[in-house]
Amino acid sequence: MTRLLLVSNSTLHGSGYLDHCAELIGQFLGRSVTRVLFIPFALRDRDAYAAQARARFATLGYQLDSLHEATDPRAAVQSAEAVFTGGGNTFRLLHQLYALDVLAPLRERVLRTCRTSAPRPARTSPA
């Protein structure tokens, strides 16, 4: 069974990163998930984006691994307990997923019951 949690944005005006949906993310992932794979490619500064996501997920009780830090991105996708895709520039995101050759394994993984959540990308113009 495929389960997806789609969030329209990561920051609601007047609140912090994922504050408005943190409880839902915790309910969605549950206690059986301990590690989340983060896909940070929609923003240029992947290290800062991963650090922000890592800090937020830690407050929810989850360890976060970032795909841009993985020595074997395909293996990271295939073994992920859950996947969180950061929003931003869709073209930048897809370009890097294709470059790492992880789009097909990601699709396969999602269809095989991986829990997945993602804020909707904010922009669709290349940058």
PDB file of N, CA and C in Angstrom:
ATOM      1  N   MET A   1       0.839  -1.178   0.000  1.00  0.00           N
ATOM      2  CA  MET A   1       0.000   0.000   0.000  1.00  0.00           C
ATOM      3  C   MET A   1       0.889   1.248   0.000  1.00  0.00           C
ATOM      4  N   THR A   2       0.673   2.119  -0.934  1.00  0.00           N
ATOM      5  CA  THR A   2       1.403   3.377  -1.010  1.00  0.00           C
ATOM      6  C   THR A   2       0.709   4.416  -0.147  1.00  0.00           C
ATOM      7  N   ARG A   3       1.493   5.125   0.663  1.00  0.00           N
ATOM      8  CA  ARG A   3       0.945   6.189   1.501  1.00  0.00           C
ATOM      9  C   ARG A   3       1.705   7.458   1.211  1.00  0.00           C
ATOM     10  N   LEU A   4       0.985   8.514   0.908  1.00  0.00           N
ATOM     11  CA  LEU A   4       1.592   9.811   0.628  1.00  0.00           C
ATOM     12  C   LEU A   4       0.976  10.864   1.520  1.00  0.00           C
ATOM     13  N   LEU A   5       1.805  11.757   2.014  1.00  0.00           N
ATOM     14  CA  LEU A   5       1.340  12.932   2.729  1.00  0.00           C
ATOM     15  C   LEU A   5       1.838  14.126   1.941  1.00  0.00           C
ATOM     16  N   LEU A   6       0.939  14.878   1.355  1.00  0.00           N
ATOM     17  CA  LEU A   6       1.307  16.044   0.552  1.00  0.00           C
ATOM     18  C   LEU A   6       0.990  17.302   1.343  1.00  0.00           C
ATOM     19  N   VAL A   7       1.985  18.150   1.459  1.00  0.00           N
ATOM     20  CA  VAL A   7       1.852  19.398   2.205  1.00  0.00           C
ATOM     21  C   VAL A   7       2.077  20.533   1.211  1.00  0.00           C
ATOM     22  N   SER A   8       1.218  21.532   1.221  1.00  0.00           N
ATOM     23  CA  SER A   8       1.316  22.573   0.201  1.00  0.00           C
ATOM     24  C   SER A   8       2.478  23.531   0.408  1.00  0.00           C
ATOM     25  N   ASN A   9       2.990  23.646   1.610  1.00  0.00           N
ATOM     26  CA  ASN A   9       4.138  24.516   1.874  1.00  0.00           C
ATOM     27  C   ASN A   9       4.828  24.056   3.154  1.00  0.00           C
ATOM     28  N   SER A  10       6.076  24.456   3.305  1.00  0.00           N
ATOM     29  CA  SER A  10       6.816  24.045   4.492  1.00  0.00           C
ATOM     30  C   SER A  10       6.760  25.084   5.601  1.00  0.00           C
ATOM     31  N   THR A  11       6.389  26.305   5.261  1.00  0.00           N
ATOM     32  CA  THR A  11       6.322  27.365   6.256  1.00  0.00           C
ATOM     33  C   THR A  11       5.048  28.167   6.061  1.00  0.00           C
ATOM     34  N   LEU A  12       4.228  28.194   7.067  1.00  0.00           N
ATOM     35  CA  LEU A  12       3.008  28.985   7.066  1.00  0.00           C
ATOM     36  C   LEU A  12       3.334  30.336   7.678  1.00  0.00           C
ATOM     37  N   HIS A  13       2.835  31.403   7.095  1.00  0.00           N
ATOM     38  CA  HIS A  13       3.139  32.753   7.573  1.00  0.00           C
ATOM     39  C   HIS A  13       2.985  32.837   9.095  1.00  0.00           C
ATOM     40  N   GLY A  14       4.033  33.330   9.743  1.00  0.00           N
ATOM     41  CA  GLY A  14       3.992  33.499  11.189  1.00  0.00           C
ATOM     42  C   GLY A  14       4.423  32.281  11.986  1.00  0.00           C
ATOM     43  N   SER A  15       4.830  31.223  11.300  1.00  0.00           N
ATOM     44  CA  SER A  15       5.259  30.022  12.027  1.00  0.00           C
ATOM     45  C   SER A  15       6.602  29.554  11.484  1.00  0.00           C
ATOM     46  N   GLY A  16       7.198  28.577  12.143  1.00  0.00           N
ATOM     47  CA  GLY A  16       8.486  28.052  11.729  1.00  0.00           C
ATOM     48  C   GLY A  16       8.358  26.921  10.728  1.00  0.00           C
ATOM     49  N   TYR A  17       9.516  26.419  10.312  1.00  0.00           N
ATOM     50  CA  TYR A  17       9.601  25.352   9.321  1.00  0.00           C
ATOM     51  C   TYR A  17       8.823  24.113   9.780  1.00  0.00           C
ATOM     52  N   LEU A  18       7.810  23.748   9.025  1.00  0.00           N
ATOM     53  CA  LEU A  18       6.949  22.581   9.237  1.00  0.00           C
ATOM     54  C   LEU A  18       6.118  22.638  10.517  1.00  0.00           C
ATOM     55  N   ASP A  19       6.067  23.785  11.195  1.00  0.00           N
ATOM     56  CA  ASP A  19       5.282  23.880  12.431  1.00  0.00           C
ATOM     57  C   ASP A  19       3.821  23.519  12.213  1.00  0.00           C
ATOM     58  N   HIS A  20       3.254  23.998  11.126  1.00  0.00           N
ATOM     59  CA  HIS A  20       1.817  23.811  10.886  1.00  0.00           C
ATOM     60  C   HIS A  20       1.433  22.369  10.565  1.00  0.00           C
ATOM     61  N   CYS A  21       2.413  21.538  10.221  1.00  0.00           N
ATOM     62  CA  CYS A  21       2.081  20.154   9.863  1.00  0.00           C
ATOM     63  C   CYS A  21       2.913  19.122  10.628  1.00  0.00           C
ATOM     64  N   ALA A  22       3.662  19.560  11.622  1.00  0.00           N
ATOM     65  CA  ALA A  22       4.545  18.652  12.369  1.00  0.00           C
ATOM     66  C   ALA A  22       3.769  17.503  13.011  1.00  0.00           C
ATOM     67  N   GLU A  23       2.651  17.813  13.602  1.00  0.00           N
ATOM     68  CA  GLU A  23       1.856  16.765  14.251  1.00  0.00           C
ATOM     69  C   GLU A  23       1.365  15.737  13.228  1.00  0.00           C
ATOM     70  N   LEU A  24       0.942  16.210  12.061  1.00  0.00           N
ATOM     71  CA  LEU A  24       0.487  15.295  11.009  1.00  0.00           C
ATOM     72  C   LEU A  24       1.631  14.426  10.488  1.00  0.00           C
ATOM     73  N   ILE A  25       2.817  15.008  10.354  1.00  0.00           N
ATOM     74  CA  ILE A  25       3.970  14.228   9.917  1.00  0.00           C
ATOM     75  C   ILE A  25       4.262  13.122  10.931  1.00  0.00           C
ATOM     76  N   GLY A  26       4.233  13.463  12.214  1.00  0.00           N
ATOM     77  CA  GLY A  26       4.452  12.468  13.256  1.00  0.00           C
ATOM     78  C   GLY A  26       3.413  11.358  13.228  1.00  0.00           C
ATOM     79  N   GLN A  27       2.151  11.724  13.033  1.00  0.00           N
ATOM     80  CA  GLN A  27       1.089  10.718  12.945  1.00  0.00           C
ATOM     81  C   GLN A  27       1.264   9.847  11.708  1.00  0.00           C
ATOM     82  N   PHE A  28       1.639  10.480  10.613  1.00  0.00           N
ATOM     83  CA  PHE A  28       1.801   9.772   9.344  1.00  0.00           C
ATOM     84  C   PHE A  28       2.957   8.773   9.419  1.00  0.00           C
ATOM     85  N   LEU A  29       4.093   9.219   9.925  1.00  0.00           N
ATOM     86  CA  LEU A  29       5.254   8.339   9.987  1.00  0.00           C
ATOM     87  C   LEU A  29       5.136   7.309  11.104  1.00  0.00           C
ATOM     88  N   GLY A  30       4.524   7.688  12.205  1.00  0.00           N
ATOM     89  CA  GLY A  30       4.358   6.763  13.319  1.00  0.00           C
ATOM     90  C   GLY A  30       5.662   6.446  14.014  1.00  0.00           C
ATOM     91  N   ARG A  31       5.636   5.479  14.903  1.00  0.00           N
ATOM     92  CA  ARG A  31       6.816   5.099  15.676  1.00  0.00           C
ATOM     93  C   ARG A  31       7.608   3.985  15.022  1.00  0.00           C
ATOM     94  N   SER A  32       7.057   3.337  14.005  1.00  0.00           N
ATOM     95  CA  SER A  32       7.809   2.257  13.357  1.00  0.00           C
ATOM     96  C   SER A  32       8.915   2.806  12.454  1.00  0.00           C
ATOM     97  N   VAL A  33       8.794   4.049  12.042  1.00  0.00           N
ATOM     98  CA  VAL A  33       9.829   4.702  11.243  1.00  0.00           C
ATOM     99  C   VAL A  33      10.796   5.398  12.195  1.00  0.00           C
ATOM    100  N   THR A  34      12.096   5.194  11.974  1.00  0.00           N
ATOM    101  CA  THR A  34      13.102   5.869  12.796  1.00  0.00           C
ATOM    102  C   THR A  34      13.976   6.809  11.982  1.00  0.00           C
ATOM    103  N   ARG A  35      14.123   6.514  10.690  1.00  0.00           N
ATOM    104  CA  ARG A  35      14.978   7.317   9.800  1.00  0.00           C
ATOM    105  C   ARG A  35      14.181   7.765   8.584  1.00  0.00           C
ATOM    106  N   VAL A  36      14.442   8.993   8.182  1.00  0.00           N
ATOM    107  CA  VAL A  36      13.780   9.576   7.018  1.00  0.00           C
ATOM    108  C   VAL A  36      14.861   9.996   6.028  1.00  0.00           C
ATOM    109  N   LEU A  37      14.655   9.687   4.765  1.00  0.00           N
ATOM    110  CA  LEU A  37      15.571  10.123   3.716  1.00  0.00           C
ATOM    111  C   LEU A  37      15.048  11.433   3.146  1.00  0.00           C
ATOM    112  N   PHE A  38      15.863  12.467   3.199  1.00  0.00           N
ATOM    113  CA  PHE A  38      15.491  13.794   2.719  1.00  0.00           C
ATOM    114  C   PHE A  38      16.062  14.021   1.322  1.00  0.00           C
ATOM    115  N   ILE A  39      15.237  14.550   0.436  1.00  0.00           N
ATOM    116  CA  ILE A  39      15.672  14.891  -0.918  1.00  0.00           C
ATOM    117  C   ILE A  39      15.691  16.413  -1.013  1.00  0.00           C
ATOM    118  N   PRO A  40      16.904  17.024  -0.960  1.00  0.00           N
ATOM    119  CA  PRO A  40      17.033  18.473  -0.844  1.00  0.00           C
ATOM    120  C   PRO A  40      17.287  19.211  -2.158  1.00  0.00           C
ATOM    121  N   PHE A  41      17.101  18.556  -3.294  1.00  0.00           N
ATOM    122  CA  PHE A  41      17.613  19.090  -4.548  1.00  0.00           C
ATOM    123  C   PHE A  41      16.841  20.266  -5.135  1.00  0.00           C
ATOM    124  N   ALA A  42      15.701  20.632  -4.564  1.00  0.00           N
ATOM    125  CA  ALA A  42      14.912  21.734  -5.118  1.00  0.00           C
ATOM    126  C   ALA A  42      15.467  23.102  -4.732  1.00  0.00           C
ATOM    127  N   LEU A  43      16.401  23.140  -3.797  1.00  0.00           N
ATOM    128  CA  LEU A  43      17.058  24.406  -3.436  1.00  0.00           C
ATOM    129  C   LEU A  43      18.548  24.301  -3.755  1.00  0.00           C
ATOM    130  N   ARG A  44      19.162  25.436  -3.970  1.00  0.00           N
ATOM    131  CA  ARG A  44      20.588  25.471  -4.333  1.00  0.00           C
ATOM    132  C   ARG A  44      21.492  25.053  -3.164  1.00  0.00           C
ATOM    133  N   ASP A  45      21.238  25.559  -1.964  1.00  0.00           N
ATOM    134  CA  ASP A  45      22.083  25.269  -0.803  1.00  0.00           C
ATOM    135  C   ASP A  45      21.580  24.006  -0.103  1.00  0.00           C
ATOM    136  N   ARG A  46      22.033  22.891  -0.577  1.00  0.00           N
ATOM    137  CA  ARG A  46      21.554  21.595  -0.073  1.00  0.00           C
ATOM    138  C   ARG A  46      21.992  21.330   1.355  1.00  0.00           C
ATOM    139  N   ASP A  47      23.188  21.785   1.714  1.00  0.00           N
ATOM    140  CA  ASP A  47      23.667  21.570   3.078  1.00  0.00           C
ATOM    141  C   ASP A  47      22.791  22.300   4.092  1.00  0.00           C
ATOM    142  N   ALA A  48      22.473  23.556   3.813  1.00  0.00           N
ATOM    143  CA  ALA A  48      21.626  24.336   4.722  1.00  0.00           C
ATOM    144  C   ALA A  48      20.211  23.771   4.773  1.00  0.00           C
ATOM    145  N   TYR A  49      19.701  23.362   3.618  1.00  0.00           N
ATOM    146  CA  TYR A  49      18.352  22.797   3.547  1.00  0.00           C
ATOM    147  C   TYR A  49      18.288  21.504   4.360  1.00  0.00           C
ATOM    148  N   ALA A  50      19.298  20.659   4.206  1.00  0.00           N
ATOM    149  CA  ALA A  50      19.340  19.397   4.955  1.00  0.00           C
ATOM    150  C   ALA A  50      19.477  19.658   6.449  1.00  0.00           C
ATOM    151  N   ALA A  51      20.289  20.648   6.815  1.00  0.00           N
ATOM    152  CA  ALA A  51      20.452  20.973   8.240  1.00  0.00           C
ATOM    153  C   ALA A  51      19.130  21.438   8.844  1.00  0.00           C
ATOM    154  N   GLN A  52      18.391  22.243   8.105  1.00  0.00           N
ATOM    155  CA  GLN A  52      17.090  22.721   8.582  1.00  0.00           C
ATOM    156  C   GLN A  52      16.112  21.555   8.753  1.00  0.00           C
ATOM    157  N   ALA A  53      16.049  20.693   7.759  1.00  0.00           N
ATOM    158  CA  ALA A  53      15.149  19.539   7.837  1.00  0.00           C
ATOM    159  C   ALA A  53      15.590  18.582   8.938  1.00  0.00           C
ATOM    160  N   ARG A  54      16.895  18.359   9.057  1.00  0.00           N
ATOM    161  CA  ARG A  54      17.429  17.442  10.074  1.00  0.00           C
ATOM    162  C   ARG A  54      17.063  17.923  11.480  1.00  0.00           C
ATOM    163  N   ALA A  55      17.219  19.217  11.708  1.00  0.00           N
ATOM    164  CA  ALA A  55      16.892  19.777  13.027  1.00  0.00           C
ATOM    165  C   ALA A  55      15.401  19.630  13.321  1.00  0.00           C
ATOM    166  N   ARG A  56      14.564  19.889  12.326  1.00  0.00           N
ATOM    167  CA  ARG A  56      13.107  19.806  12.548  1.00  0.00           C
ATOM    168  C   ARG A  56      12.663  18.370  12.787  1.00  0.00           C
ATOM    169  N   PHE A  57      13.168  17.445  11.979  1.00  0.00           N
ATOM    170  CA  PHE A  57      12.773  16.046  12.148  1.00  0.00           C
ATOM    171  C   PHE A  57      13.294  15.484  13.462  1.00  0.00           C
ATOM    172  N   ALA A  58      14.427  15.967  13.937  1.00  0.00           N
ATOM    173  CA  ALA A  58      14.951  15.528  15.238  1.00  0.00           C
ATOM    174  C   ALA A  58      13.976  15.893  16.346  1.00  0.00           C
ATOM    175  N   THR A  59      13.334  17.061  16.253  1.00  0.00           N
ATOM    176  CA  THR A  59      12.357  17.446  17.279  1.00  0.00           C
ATOM    177  C   THR A  59      11.133  16.548  17.249  1.00  0.00           C
ATOM    178  N   LEU A  60      10.918  15.882  16.115  1.00  0.00           N
ATOM    179  CA  LEU A  60       9.791  14.954  15.985  1.00  0.00           C
ATOM    180  C   LEU A  60      10.189  13.520  16.358  1.00  0.00           C
ATOM    181  N   GLY A  61      11.479  13.319  16.638  1.00  0.00           N
ATOM    182  CA  GLY A  61      11.949  11.998  17.043  1.00  0.00           C
ATOM    183  C   GLY A  61      12.475  11.132  15.916  1.00  0.00           C
ATOM    184  N   TYR A  62      12.829  11.742  14.777  1.00  0.00           N
ATOM    185  CA  TYR A  62      13.310  10.984  13.626  1.00  0.00           C
ATOM    186  C   TYR A  62      14.718  11.422  13.253  1.00  0.00           C
ATOM    187  N   GLN A  63      15.550  10.462  12.868  1.00  0.00           N
ATOM    188  CA  GLN A  63      16.850  10.782  12.297  1.00  0.00           C
ATOM    189  C   GLN A  63      16.649  11.051  10.817  1.00  0.00           C
ATOM    190  N   LEU A  64      17.427  11.965  10.266  1.00  0.00           N
ATOM    191  CA  LEU A  64      17.256  12.330   8.868  1.00  0.00           C
ATOM    192  C   LEU A  64      18.574  12.181   8.128  1.00  0.00           C
ATOM    193  N   ASP A  65      18.532  11.445   7.024  1.00  0.00           N
ATOM    194  CA  ASP A  65      19.670  11.307   6.126  1.00  0.00           C
ATOM    195  C   ASP A  65      19.340  12.090   4.864  1.00  0.00           C
ATOM    196  N   SER A  66      20.304  12.826   4.345  1.00  0.00           N
ATOM    197  CA  SER A  66      20.062  13.600   3.137  1.00  0.00           C
ATOM    198  C   SER A  66      20.640  12.880   1.930  1.00  0.00           C
ATOM    199  N   LEU A  67      19.872  12.790   0.871  1.00  0.00           N
ATOM    200  CA  LEU A  67      20.293  12.067  -0.323  1.00  0.00           C
ATOM    201  C   LEU A  67      21.556  12.675  -0.930  1.00  0.00           C
ATOM    202  N   HIS A  68      21.752  13.964  -0.790  1.00  0.00           N
ATOM    203  CA  HIS A  68      22.948  14.584  -1.382  1.00  0.00           C
ATOM    204  C   HIS A  68      24.227  14.187  -0.643  1.00  0.00           C
ATOM    205  N   GLU A  69      24.123  13.615   0.531  1.00  0.00           N
ATOM    206  CA  GLU A  69      25.275  13.155   1.300  1.00  0.00           C
ATOM    207  C   GLU A  69      25.520  11.653   1.157  1.00  0.00           C
ATOM    208  N   ALA A  70      24.622  10.952   0.484  1.00  0.00           N
ATOM    209  CA  ALA A  70      24.718   9.492   0.371  1.00  0.00           C
ATOM    210  C   ALA A  70      25.856   9.084  -0.557  1.00  0.00           C
ATOM    211  N   THR A  71      26.643   8.109  -0.142  1.00  0.00           N
ATOM    212  CA  THR A  71      27.714   7.603  -1.003  1.00  0.00           C
ATOM    213  C   THR A  71      27.137   6.765  -2.142  1.00  0.00           C
ATOM    214  N   ASP A  72      25.986   6.158  -1.917  1.00  0.00           N
ATOM    215  CA  ASP A  72      25.297   5.378  -2.947  1.00  0.00           C
ATOM    216  C   ASP A  72      23.828   5.806  -2.949  1.00  0.00           C
ATOM    217  N   PRO A  73      23.487   6.839  -3.740  1.00  0.00           N
ATOM    218  CA  PRO A  73      22.120   7.364  -3.730  1.00  0.00           C
ATOM    219  C   PRO A  73      21.044   6.324  -4.054  1.00  0.00           C
ATOM    220  N   ARG A  74      21.320   5.441  -4.999  1.00  0.00           N
ATOM    221  CA  ARG A  74      20.325   4.410  -5.348  1.00  0.00           C
ATOM    222  C   ARG A  74      20.044   3.495  -4.153  1.00  0.00           C
ATOM    223  N   ALA A  75      21.092   3.080  -3.459  1.00  0.00           N
ATOM    224  CA  ALA A  75      20.924   2.222  -2.287  1.00  0.00           C
ATOM    225  C   ALA A  75      20.183   2.966  -1.185  1.00  0.00           C
ATOM    226  N   ALA A  76      20.468   4.259  -1.027  1.00  0.00           N
ATOM    227  CA  ALA A  76      19.779   5.054  -0.008  1.00  0.00           C
ATOM    228  C   ALA A  76      18.283   5.099  -0.288  1.00  0.00           C
ATOM    229  N   VAL A  77      17.919   5.290  -1.534  1.00  0.00           N
ATOM    230  CA  VAL A  77      16.500   5.314  -1.904  1.00  0.00           C
ATOM    231  C   VAL A  77      15.868   3.948  -1.684  1.00  0.00           C
ATOM    232  N   GLN A  78      16.548   2.916  -2.116  1.00  0.00           N
ATOM    233  CA  GLN A  78      15.987   1.570  -2.026  1.00  0.00           C
ATOM    234  C   GLN A  78      15.810   1.087  -0.590  1.00  0.00           C
ATOM    235  N   SER A  79      16.612   1.592   0.327  1.00  0.00           N
ATOM    236  CA  SER A  79      16.509   1.140   1.709  1.00  0.00           C
ATOM    237  C   SER A  79      15.772   2.117   2.627  1.00  0.00           C
ATOM    238  N   ALA A  80      15.268   3.199   2.083  1.00  0.00           N
ATOM    239  CA  ALA A  80      14.618   4.228   2.901  1.00  0.00           C
ATOM    240  C   ALA A  80      13.360   3.704   3.585  1.00  0.00           C
ATOM    241  N   GLU A  81      13.228   4.037   4.860  1.00  0.00           N
ATOM    242  CA  GLU A  81      11.998   3.732   5.587  1.00  0.00           C
ATOM    243  C   GLU A  81      10.903   4.717   5.189  1.00  0.00           C
ATOM    244  N   ALA A  82      11.312   5.964   4.979  1.00  0.00           N
ATOM    245  CA  ALA A  82      10.401   7.034   4.598  1.00  0.00           C
ATOM    246  C   ALA A  82      11.197   8.060   3.800  1.00  0.00           C
ATOM    247  N   VAL A  83      10.515   8.799   2.948  1.00  0.00           N
ATOM    248  CA  VAL A  83      11.156   9.811   2.113  1.00  0.00           C
ATOM    249  C   VAL A  83      10.434  11.135   2.301  1.00  0.00           C
ATOM    250  N   PHE A  84      11.226  12.197   2.467  1.00  0.00           N
ATOM    251  CA  PHE A  84      10.684  13.558   2.549  1.00  0.00           C
ATOM    252  C   PHE A  84      11.377  14.384   1.475  1.00  0.00           C
ATOM    253  N   THR A  85      10.607  14.906   0.545  1.00  0.00           N
ATOM    254  CA  THR A  85      11.147  15.715  -0.536  1.00  0.00           C
ATOM    255  C   THR A  85      10.903  17.175  -0.232  1.00  0.00           C
ATOM    256  N   GLY A  86      11.976  17.953  -0.197  1.00  0.00           N
ATOM    257  CA  GLY A  86      11.844  19.381   0.054  1.00  0.00           C
ATOM    258  C   GLY A  86      11.358  20.115  -1.180  1.00  0.00           C
ATOM    259  N   GLY A  87      10.549  21.132  -0.973  1.00  0.00           N
ATOM    260  CA  GLY A  87      10.013  21.914  -2.075  1.00  0.00           C
ATOM    261  C   GLY A  87      10.970  22.994  -2.529  1.00  0.00           C
ATOM    262  N   GLY A  88      10.638  23.607  -3.628  1.00  0.00           N
ATOM    263  CA  GLY A  88      11.449  24.671  -4.215  1.00  0.00           C
ATOM    264  C   GLY A  88      11.324  24.641  -5.716  1.00  0.00           C
ATOM    265  N   ASN A  89      12.441  24.545  -6.412  1.00  0.00           N
ATOM    266  CA  ASN A  89      12.481  24.571  -7.864  1.00  0.00           C
ATOM    267  C   ASN A  89      12.350  23.149  -8.418  1.00  0.00           C
ATOM    268  N   THR A  90      11.236  22.873  -9.057  1.00  0.00           N
ATOM    269  CA  THR A  90      10.948  21.535  -9.576  1.00  0.00           C
ATOM    270  C   THR A  90      11.958  21.106 -10.635  1.00  0.00           C
ATOM    271  N   PHE A  91      12.369  22.037 -11.474  1.00  0.00           N
ATOM    272  CA  PHE A  91      13.334  21.692 -12.519  1.00  0.00           C
ATOM    273  C   PHE A  91      14.676  21.288 -11.913  1.00  0.00           C
ATOM    274  N   ARG A  92      15.124  22.025 -10.913  1.00  0.00           N
ATOM    275  CA  ARG A  92      16.380  21.692 -10.230  1.00  0.00           C
ATOM    276  C   ARG A  92      16.257  20.311  -9.568  1.00  0.00           C
ATOM    277  N   LEU A  93      15.128  20.060  -8.935  1.00  0.00           N
ATOM    278  CA  LEU A  93      14.877  18.778  -8.278  1.00  0.00           C
ATOM    279  C   LEU A  93      14.951  17.625  -9.279  1.00  0.00           C
ATOM    280  N   LEU A  94      14.184  17.718 -10.342  1.00  0.00           N
ATOM    281  CA  LEU A  94      14.161  16.630 -11.323  1.00  0.00           C
ATOM    282  C   LEU A  94      15.496  16.453 -12.029  1.00  0.00           C
ATOM    283  N   HIS A  95      16.165  17.556 -12.332  1.00  0.00           N
ATOM    284  CA  HIS A  95      17.474  17.466 -12.983  1.00  0.00           C
ATOM    285  C   HIS A  95      18.431  16.609 -12.146  1.00  0.00           C
ATOM    286  N   GLN A  96      18.469  16.856 -10.857  1.00  0.00           N
ATOM    287  CA  GLN A  96      19.398  16.111 -10.007  1.00  0.00           C
ATOM    288  C   GLN A  96      18.949  14.669  -9.800  1.00  0.00           C
ATOM    289  N   LEU A  97      17.655  14.432  -9.713  1.00  0.00           N
ATOM    290  CA  LEU A  97      17.174  13.052  -9.586  1.00  0.00           C
ATOM    291  C   LEU A  97      17.547  12.237 -10.817  1.00  0.00           C
ATOM    292  N   TYR A  98      17.417  12.851 -12.003  1.00  0.00           N
ATOM    293  CA  TYR A  98      17.847  12.173 -13.232  1.00  0.00           C
ATOM    294  C   TYR A  98      19.365  11.988 -13.250  1.00  0.00           C
ATOM    295  N   ALA A  99      20.118  13.021 -12.865  1.00  0.00           N
ATOM    296  CA  ALA A  99      21.581  12.955 -12.890  1.00  0.00           C
ATOM    297  C   ALA A  99      22.101  11.839 -11.982  1.00  0.00           C
ATOM    298  N   LEU A 100      21.445  11.627 -10.855  1.00  0.00           N
ATOM    299  CA  LEU A 100      21.854  10.564  -9.931  1.00  0.00           C
ATOM    300  C   LEU A 100      21.249   9.209 -10.288  1.00  0.00           C
ATOM    301  N   ASP A 101      20.382   9.198 -11.304  1.00  0.00           N
ATOM    302  CA  ASP A 101      19.711   7.978 -11.746  1.00  0.00           C
ATOM    303  C   ASP A 101      18.906   7.329 -10.620  1.00  0.00           C
ATOM    304  N   VAL A 102      18.180   8.182  -9.871  1.00  0.00           N
ATOM    305  CA  VAL A 102      17.383   7.658  -8.763  1.00  0.00           C
ATOM    306  C   VAL A 102      15.873   7.849  -8.955  1.00  0.00           C
ATOM    307  N   LEU A 103      15.465   8.439 -10.073  1.00  0.00           N
ATOM    308  CA  LEU A 103      14.033   8.662 -10.261  1.00  0.00           C
ATOM    309  C   LEU A 103      13.269   7.337 -10.370  1.00  0.00           C
ATOM    310  N   ALA A 104      13.765   6.414 -11.159  1.00  0.00           N
ATOM    311  CA  ALA A 104      13.092   5.114 -11.294  1.00  0.00           C
ATOM    312  C   ALA A 104      13.085   4.341  -9.971  1.00  0.00           C
ATOM    313  N   PRO A 105      14.234   4.236  -9.267  1.00  0.00           N
ATOM    314  CA  PRO A 105      14.193   3.545  -7.980  1.00  0.00           C
ATOM    315  C   PRO A 105      13.296   4.245  -6.957  1.00  0.00           C
ATOM    316  N   LEU A 106      13.236   5.563  -7.017  1.00  0.00           N
ATOM    317  CA  LEU A 106      12.355   6.297  -6.108  1.00  0.00           C
ATOM    318  C   LEU A 106      10.899   5.963  -6.392  1.00  0.00           C
ATOM    319  N   ARG A 107      10.527   5.970  -7.650  1.00  0.00           N
ATOM    320  CA  ARG A 107       9.149   5.613  -8.029  1.00  0.00           C
ATOM    321  C   ARG A 107       8.831   4.195  -7.567  1.00  0.00           C
ATOM    322  N   GLU A 108       9.738   3.287  -7.837  1.00  0.00           N
ATOM    323  CA  GLU A 108       9.577   1.887  -7.434  1.00  0.00           C
ATOM    324  C   GLU A 108       9.412   1.766  -5.917  1.00  0.00           C
ATOM    325  N   ARG A 109      10.237   2.494  -5.200  1.00  0.00           N
ATOM    326  CA  ARG A 109      10.206   2.449  -3.735  1.00  0.00           C
ATOM    327  C   ARG A 109       8.898   2.991  -3.185  1.00  0.00           C
ATOM    328  N   VAL A 110       8.437   4.088  -3.751  1.00  0.00           N
ATOM    329  CA  VAL A 110       7.173   4.676  -3.300  1.00  0.00           C
ATOM    330  C   VAL A 110       6.024   3.708  -3.547  1.00  0.00           C
ATOM    331  N   LEU A 111       6.041   3.049  -4.670  1.00  0.00           N
ATOM    332  CA  LEU A 111       4.975   2.097  -4.978  1.00  0.00           C
ATOM    333  C   LEU A 111       5.038   0.845  -4.107  1.00  0.00           C
ATOM    334  N   ARG A 112       6.176   0.606  -3.445  1.00  0.00           N
ATOM    335  CA  ARG A 112       6.331  -0.549  -2.554  1.00  0.00           C
ATOM    336  C   ARG A 112       6.155  -0.169  -1.091  1.00  0.00           C
ATOM    337  N   THR A 113       5.304   0.719  -0.767  1.00  0.00           N
ATOM    338  CA  THR A 113       4.896   1.049   0.605  1.00  0.00           C
ATOM    339  C   THR A 113       5.783   2.013   1.370  1.00  0.00           C
ATOM    340  N   CYS A 114       6.723   2.636   0.753  1.00  0.00           N
ATOM    341  CA  CYS A 114       7.517   3.638   1.456  1.00  0.00           C
ATOM    342  C   CYS A 114       6.606   4.814   1.821  1.00  0.00           C
ATOM    343  N   ARG A 115       6.724   5.299   3.029  1.00  0.00           N
ATOM    344  CA  ARG A 115       5.962   6.476   3.427  1.00  0.00           C
ATOM    345  C   ARG A 115       6.659   7.705   2.863  1.00  0.00           C
ATOM    346  N   THR A 116       5.898   8.574   2.224  1.00  0.00           N
ATOM    347  CA  THR A 116       6.474   9.701   1.520  1.00  0.00           C
ATOM    348  C   THR A 116       5.712  10.967   1.857  1.00  0.00           C
ATOM    349  N   SER A 117       6.438  12.043   2.134  1.00  0.00           N
ATOM    350  CA  SER A 117       5.786  13.327   2.342  1.00  0.00           C
ATOM    351  C   SER A 117       6.585  14.389   1.619  1.00  0.00           C
ATOM    352  N   ALA A 118       5.875  15.411   1.150  1.00  0.00           N
ATOM    353  CA  ALA A 118       6.556  16.454   0.387  1.00  0.00           C
ATOM    354  C   ALA A 118       5.749  17.732   0.360  1.00  0.00           C
ATOM    355  N   PRO A 119       6.405  18.866   0.648  1.00  0.00           N
ATOM    356  CA  PRO A 119       5.745  20.136   0.370  1.00  0.00           C
ATOM    357  C   PRO A 119       5.686  20.319  -1.143  1.00  0.00           C
ATOM    358  N   ARG A 120       4.650  20.929  -1.627  1.00  0.00           N
ATOM    359  CA  ARG A 120       4.520  21.180  -3.056  1.00  0.00           C
ATOM    360  C   ARG A 120       5.548  22.229  -3.474  1.00  0.00           C
ATOM    361  N   PRO A 121       6.223  22.044  -4.610  1.00  0.00           N
ATOM    362  CA  PRO A 121       7.209  23.021  -5.049  1.00  0.00           C
ATOM    363  C   PRO A 121       6.592  24.413  -5.206  1.00  0.00           C
ATOM    364  N   ALA A 122       7.366  25.415  -4.829  1.00  0.00           N
ATOM    365  CA  ALA A 122       6.879  26.785  -4.861  1.00  0.00           C
ATOM    366  C   ALA A 122       7.041  27.433  -6.211  1.00  0.00           C
ATOM    367  N   ARG A 123       8.074  27.025  -6.974  1.00  0.00           N
ATOM    368  CA  ARG A 123       8.346  27.634  -8.270  1.00  0.00           C
ATOM    369  C   ARG A 123       8.468  26.559  -9.318  1.00  0.00           C
ATOM    370  N   THR A 124       8.226  26.933 -10.544  1.00  0.00           N
ATOM    371  CA  THR A 124       8.426  25.979 -11.631  1.00  0.00           C
ATOM    372  C   THR A 124       9.302  26.556 -12.720  1.00  0.00           C
ATOM    373  N   SER A 125       9.903  27.710 -12.515  1.00  0.00           N
ATOM    374  CA  SER A 125      10.792  28.280 -13.523  1.00  0.00           C
ATOM    375  C   SER A 125      12.225  27.877 -13.243  1.00  0.00           C
ATOM    376  N   PRO A 126      13.014  27.582 -14.293  1.00  0.00           N
ATOM    377  CA  PRO A 126      14.402  27.193 -14.051  1.00  0.00           C
ATOM    378  C   PRO A 126      15.200  28.334 -13.436  1.00  0.00           C
ATOM    379  N   ALA A 127      16.113  27.973 -12.517  1.00  0.00           N
ATOM    380  CA  ALA A 127      16.975  28.989 -11.901  1.00  0.00           C
ATOM    381  C   ALA A 127      18.288  28.370 -11.513  1.00  0.00           C
TER     382      ALA A 127
END
